[in-house]
Amino acid sequence: MPTAIQRNPLRCTPEELVSSLEAAGAKLTPHPLLPDCWYMTGGGDVQAMEAFQKGFFQVQDPAAKAAVLAAGPRPGDRVLDVCAAPGGKSFAAAIQMEGRGEVVSCDLHPHKKKLIQAGADRLGLENITPMTADGKAFRPEWESAFDRVLVDAPCSGLGVIRKKPDIRYKDPTQLAGLPRVQRAILENAGRYVKPGGVLLYATCTVLPEENEEITADFLSRRPEFALEPFRLPGLDGENGGSITLWPQRHGTDGFYICRMRRS
């Protein structure tokens, strides 16, 4: 299967990226919808490529970039990525912010902090602050402190089953508890959004009980939040505040994205 990559515009032009990767023996196909995204085949070990080591690109599915574009981070914003590791959405947000402002990039597991920092260093993103934090545990110092809060919640992963076929063998009893965790993380993350700020919920699954049912339940209990329509490059028209991306329709992983604005 081709490797999905995204250009780092802080480090190279499109021409420099394509030239470097083609010189390494890779073949690139632009994504039909999203800018600065390609599918790459050939070229050998990605991490050994000079372009990778120089921070010209990161490996990330276009759906993940779409989620960040939907959140709309701007230069100078303060952004919280609640479930960040290995850091791809944090990096995409920092790039959209042109390296200005701050992205607080969190994960529950302490060793993931070093992983996020290493990725930020490679890409030259100095506005990333990695932290160890539990997305379900409230931190008073973060209350109403962020312009954008990203929740890429732990999920069943059924949207990436084409890449990880072993997902089909997961124990259904373990998956049954995921909505409870997702609700707890989203509820907590909502407390960190500034008035007027954006809360972005996303998963790499297509199950309503992990997607629409989670956000509908949250909105029913938090009247200060409302769905906010957004546009994505290459997709016709504006959605009603949420969208499910499908591999066969959009050339991405199966992915749910929901944007909510705090009044």
Protein backbone atom coordinates (compact mmCIF):
# COMPACT_ATOMS: atom_id res chain seq x y z
CA MET A 1 0.00 0.00 0.00
CA PRO A 2 1.33 3.51 -0.81
CA THR A 3 2.59 5.70 2.01
CA ALA A 4 0.59 8.91 2.57
CA ILE A 5 2.81 11.94 3.18
CA GLN A 6 2.31 15.66 3.80
CA ARG A 7 4.74 18.42 2.94
CA ASN A 8 6.20 20.67 5.60
CA PRO A 9 6.01 24.13 3.96
CA LEU A 10 8.27 25.55 6.67
CA ARG A 11 11.12 23.44 5.29
CA CYS A 12 10.64 23.08 1.54
CA THR A 13 8.67 23.99 -1.57
CA PRO A 14 6.56 21.37 -3.38
CA GLU A 15 9.20 21.23 -6.11
CA GLU A 16 12.01 20.59 -3.61
CA LEU A 17 10.05 17.79 -1.95
CA VAL A 18 9.15 16.06 -5.21
CA SER A 19 12.69 16.43 -6.59
CA SER A 20 14.29 15.00 -3.45
CA LEU A 21 11.95 12.02 -3.23
CA GLU A 22 12.11 11.19 -6.93
CA ALA A 23 15.91 11.30 -6.73
CA ALA A 24 15.64 8.67 -3.99
CA GLY A 25 13.63 6.43 -6.32
CA ALA A 26 10.16 7.21 -5.02
CA LYS A 27 7.09 7.77 -7.16
CA LEU A 28 4.57 10.40 -6.04
CA THR A 29 0.88 10.76 -6.84
CA PRO A 30 -0.83 13.94 -5.58
CA HIS A 31 -3.92 13.42 -3.48
CA PRO A 32 -6.96 14.35 -5.60
CA LEU A 33 -8.57 16.55 -2.93
CA LEU A 34 -6.20 17.83 -0.26
CA PRO A 35 -3.27 20.16 -1.00
CA ASP A 36 0.32 19.27 -0.08
CA CYS A 37 -0.58 15.57 0.29
CA TRP A 38 0.86 12.78 -1.83
CA TYR A 39 0.83 8.99 -1.99
CA MET A 40 4.37 7.64 -2.26
CA THR A 41 5.59 4.28 -3.50
CA GLY A 42 9.16 3.01 -3.73
CA GLY A 43 12.26 4.71 -2.43
CA GLY A 44 13.02 2.22 0.34
CA ASP A 45 13.02 2.98 4.06
CA VAL A 46 11.13 6.24 4.58
CA GLN A 47 13.06 7.22 7.72
CA ALA A 48 16.37 6.78 5.89
CA MET A 49 15.42 9.26 3.18
CA GLU A 50 17.29 12.55 3.17
CA ALA A 51 14.02 14.47 2.71
CA PHE A 52 12.56 12.81 5.82
CA GLN A 53 15.64 13.52 7.90
CA LYS A 54 15.57 17.16 6.79
CA GLY A 55 11.94 17.46 7.92
CA PHE A 56 10.56 18.05 4.43
CA PHE A 57 7.52 15.87 5.15
CA GLN A 58 5.69 13.74 7.67
CA VAL A 59 3.88 10.47 7.18
CA GLN A 60 0.17 11.03 7.82
CA ASP A 61 -3.10 10.12 6.14
CA PRO A 62 -4.90 13.01 4.40
CA ALA A 63 -7.90 12.46 6.70
CA ALA A 64 -5.80 13.57 9.67
CA LYS A 65 -4.84 16.77 7.87
CA ALA A 66 -8.51 17.30 7.00
CA ALA A 67 -9.34 17.15 10.72
CA VAL A 68 -6.78 19.87 11.46
CA LEU A 69 -8.04 22.02 8.58
CA ALA A 70 -11.56 21.66 9.98
CA ALA A 71 -10.33 22.89 13.38
CA GLY A 72 -8.87 25.96 11.65
CA PRO A 73 -5.83 26.82 13.81
CA ARG A 74 -4.40 30.25 13.03
CA PRO A 75 -0.99 31.87 13.64
CA GLY A 76 -0.79 33.00 17.25
CA ASP A 77 -3.47 30.60 18.54
CA ARG A 78 -3.08 28.46 21.62
CA VAL A 79 -4.02 24.89 20.67
CA LEU A 80 -4.44 21.77 22.81
CA ASP A 81 -4.12 18.32 21.24
CA VAL A 82 -5.58 16.06 23.93
CA CYS A 83 -4.66 12.58 22.59
CA ALA A 84 -1.69 13.52 20.45
CA ALA A 85 0.84 10.69 20.07
CA PRO A 86 2.65 10.17 17.78
CA GLY A 87 1.99 13.86 17.15
CA GLY A 88 0.84 14.10 13.54
CA LYS A 89 -2.12 16.39 14.16
CA SER A 90 -0.08 18.56 16.50
CA PHE A 91 2.53 18.93 13.77
CA ALA A 92 -0.10 19.71 11.15
CA ALA A 93 -1.64 22.34 13.44
CA ALA A 94 1.75 23.94 14.14
CA ILE A 95 2.41 24.10 10.40
CA GLN A 96 -0.99 25.73 9.76
CA MET A 97 -0.03 28.24 12.46
CA GLU A 98 3.20 29.01 10.55
CA GLY A 99 5.19 28.13 13.65
CA ARG A 100 3.56 30.92 15.70
CA GLY A 101 1.50 30.49 18.85
CA GLU A 102 1.61 27.29 20.91
CA VAL A 103 0.48 23.70 20.47
CA VAL A 104 0.30 21.76 23.74
CA SER A 105 0.61 18.15 22.62
CA CYS A 106 -0.48 15.58 25.22
CA ASP A 107 -0.51 11.84 25.67
CA LEU A 108 -1.31 9.55 28.55
CA HIS A 109 1.93 7.55 28.29
CA PRO A 110 5.16 9.26 29.46
CA HIS A 111 7.41 7.71 26.79
CA LYS A 112 5.27 9.27 24.05
CA LYS A 113 6.44 12.74 25.13
CA LYS A 114 9.93 12.01 23.76
CA LEU A 115 8.40 10.68 20.53
CA ILE A 116 6.42 13.88 20.00
CA GLN A 117 9.43 16.07 20.78
CA ALA A 118 11.63 14.14 18.35
CA GLY A 119 9.08 14.63 15.58
CA ALA A 120 8.77 18.35 16.32
CA ASP A 121 12.55 18.75 16.30
CA ARG A 122 12.87 16.95 12.95
CA LEU A 123 10.20 19.18 11.39
CA GLY A 124 11.64 22.35 12.94
CA LEU A 125 8.47 23.13 14.90
CA GLU A 126 9.50 25.15 17.93
CA ASN A 127 5.94 25.97 18.99
CA ILE A 128 5.16 22.39 20.14
CA THR A 129 5.05 21.73 23.91
CA PRO A 130 4.84 17.96 24.60
CA MET A 131 3.23 16.95 27.90
CA THR A 132 2.11 13.81 29.71
CA ALA A 133 -1.56 14.19 30.62
CA ASP A 134 -4.68 12.05 31.00
CA GLY A 135 -7.41 13.35 28.69
CA LYS A 136 -10.06 12.33 31.24
CA ALA A 137 -8.47 14.17 34.20
CA PHE A 138 -9.36 17.86 34.60
CA ARG A 139 -6.49 20.36 34.86
CA PRO A 140 -7.81 23.62 36.39
CA GLU A 141 -5.00 25.70 34.90
CA TRP A 142 -6.28 24.84 31.40
CA GLU A 143 -9.91 25.82 31.96
CA SER A 144 -11.11 28.13 29.15
CA ALA A 145 -7.47 28.59 28.07
CA PHE A 146 -7.32 27.37 24.45
CA ASP A 147 -8.50 28.77 21.11
CA ARG A 148 -8.66 25.28 19.56
CA VAL A 149 -8.93 21.91 21.32
CA LEU A 150 -8.41 18.75 19.28
CA VAL A 151 -9.79 15.42 20.51
CA ASP A 152 -8.63 12.52 18.34
CA ALA A 153 -10.26 10.00 20.64
CA PRO A 154 -9.18 6.39 21.21
CA CYS A 155 -11.45 4.29 19.03
CA SER A 156 -12.04 0.91 17.42
CA GLY A 157 -9.93 1.93 14.40
CA LEU A 158 -12.28 0.39 11.85
CA GLY A 159 -11.56 3.25 9.46
CA VAL A 160 -7.96 2.04 9.02
CA ILE A 161 -8.75 -1.66 8.65
CA ARG A 162 -7.34 -1.64 5.10
CA LYS A 163 -3.93 -0.79 6.63
CA LYS A 164 -4.29 -2.82 9.81
CA PRO A 165 -6.36 -5.92 8.95
CA ASP A 166 -5.69 -7.45 12.38
CA ILE A 167 -8.25 -4.96 13.75
CA ARG A 168 -10.97 -7.38 12.67
CA TYR A 169 -9.77 -9.79 15.37
CA LYS A 170 -10.11 -7.36 18.27
CA ASP A 171 -12.17 -8.55 21.22
CA PRO A 172 -15.65 -6.94 20.89
CA THR A 173 -16.01 -6.83 24.67
CA GLN A 174 -12.97 -4.53 24.87
CA LEU A 175 -14.37 -2.25 22.16
CA ALA A 176 -17.71 -1.99 23.94
CA GLY A 177 -16.20 0.25 26.62
CA LEU A 178 -14.80 2.81 24.16
CA PRO A 179 -17.85 5.13 24.04
CA ARG A 180 -17.61 5.62 27.80
CA VAL A 181 -13.96 6.68 27.44
CA GLN A 182 -14.73 8.89 24.45
CA ARG A 183 -17.52 10.69 26.32
CA ALA A 184 -15.28 11.29 29.32
CA ILE A 185 -12.45 12.72 27.22
CA LEU A 186 -14.74 14.97 25.16
CA GLU A 187 -16.56 16.21 28.26
CA ASN A 188 -13.27 17.11 29.93
CA ALA A 189 -11.77 18.66 26.79
CA GLY A 190 -14.78 20.94 26.40
CA ARG A 191 -13.84 22.66 29.64
CA TYR A 192 -10.56 23.82 28.10
CA VAL A 193 -12.10 25.76 25.18
CA LYS A 194 -12.18 29.54 25.42
CA PRO A 195 -15.51 31.29 24.85
CA GLY A 196 -15.62 31.72 21.09
CA GLY A 197 -13.16 28.85 20.59
CA VAL A 198 -13.45 25.59 18.65
CA LEU A 199 -13.68 22.01 19.89
CA LEU A 200 -12.80 19.40 17.25
CA TYR A 201 -13.74 15.75 17.81
CA ALA A 202 -12.36 13.09 15.47
CA THR A 203 -11.93 9.32 15.26
CA CYS A 204 -10.53 6.86 12.73
CA THR A 205 -13.69 4.77 12.84
CA VAL A 206 -17.05 4.91 11.08
CA LEU A 207 -19.32 3.56 13.84
CA PRO A 208 -22.13 5.96 14.88
CA GLU A 209 -21.86 4.86 18.52
CA GLU A 210 -18.29 6.23 18.59
CA ASN A 211 -19.01 9.26 16.43
CA GLU A 212 -22.39 10.96 15.96
CA GLU A 213 -23.84 9.50 19.14
CA ILE A 214 -20.90 10.80 21.18
CA THR A 215 -21.07 14.35 19.83
CA ALA A 216 -24.90 14.46 19.98
CA ASP A 217 -24.80 13.41 23.63
CA PHE A 218 -22.16 16.06 24.39
CA LEU A 219 -24.13 18.82 22.65
CA SER A 220 -27.33 17.84 24.45
CA ARG A 221 -25.62 18.44 27.79
CA ARG A 222 -23.46 21.43 26.86
CA PRO A 223 -25.75 24.11 25.38
CA GLU A 224 -22.86 26.58 25.13
CA PHE A 225 -21.50 24.44 22.25
CA ALA A 226 -23.05 24.11 18.80
CA LEU A 227 -22.14 22.42 15.55
CA GLU A 228 -20.37 24.78 13.15
CA PRO A 229 -20.28 24.11 9.40
CA PHE A 230 -16.87 24.03 7.74
CA ARG A 231 -15.38 23.47 4.30
CA LEU A 232 -12.59 21.14 3.26
CA PRO A 233 -10.45 21.58 0.13
CA GLY A 234 -11.70 19.57 -2.81
CA LEU A 235 -15.06 18.72 -1.24
CA ASP A 236 -18.07 20.43 -2.76
CA GLY A 237 -20.18 22.56 -0.46
CA GLU A 238 -20.33 23.13 3.25
CA ASN A 239 -21.28 20.37 5.67
CA GLY A 240 -23.48 20.78 8.73
CA GLY A 241 -20.60 20.66 11.18
CA SER A 242 -19.60 17.03 10.82
CA ILE A 243 -18.49 14.67 8.09
CA THR A 244 -17.47 11.04 7.68
CA LEU A 245 -14.67 10.46 5.18
CA TRP A 246 -14.62 7.14 3.33
CA PRO A 247 -11.70 5.45 1.52
CA GLN A 248 -13.74 4.72 -1.61
CA ARG A 249 -15.16 8.25 -1.84
CA HIS A 250 -12.40 10.54 -0.57
CA GLY A 251 -9.16 8.58 -0.94
CA THR A 252 -8.52 8.74 2.81
CA ASP A 253 -8.85 6.55 5.86
CA GLY A 254 -12.37 6.12 7.22
CA PHE A 255 -12.59 9.13 9.52
CA TYR A 256 -15.18 11.15 11.44
CA ILE A 257 -14.72 14.90 11.98
CA CYS A 258 -17.01 17.15 14.04
CA ARG A 259 -16.46 20.87 14.66
CA MET A 260 -18.19 22.60 17.57
CA ARG A 261 -18.00 26.28 18.52
CA ARG A 262 -18.34 27.54 22.10
CA SER A 263 -20.55 30.59 22.38
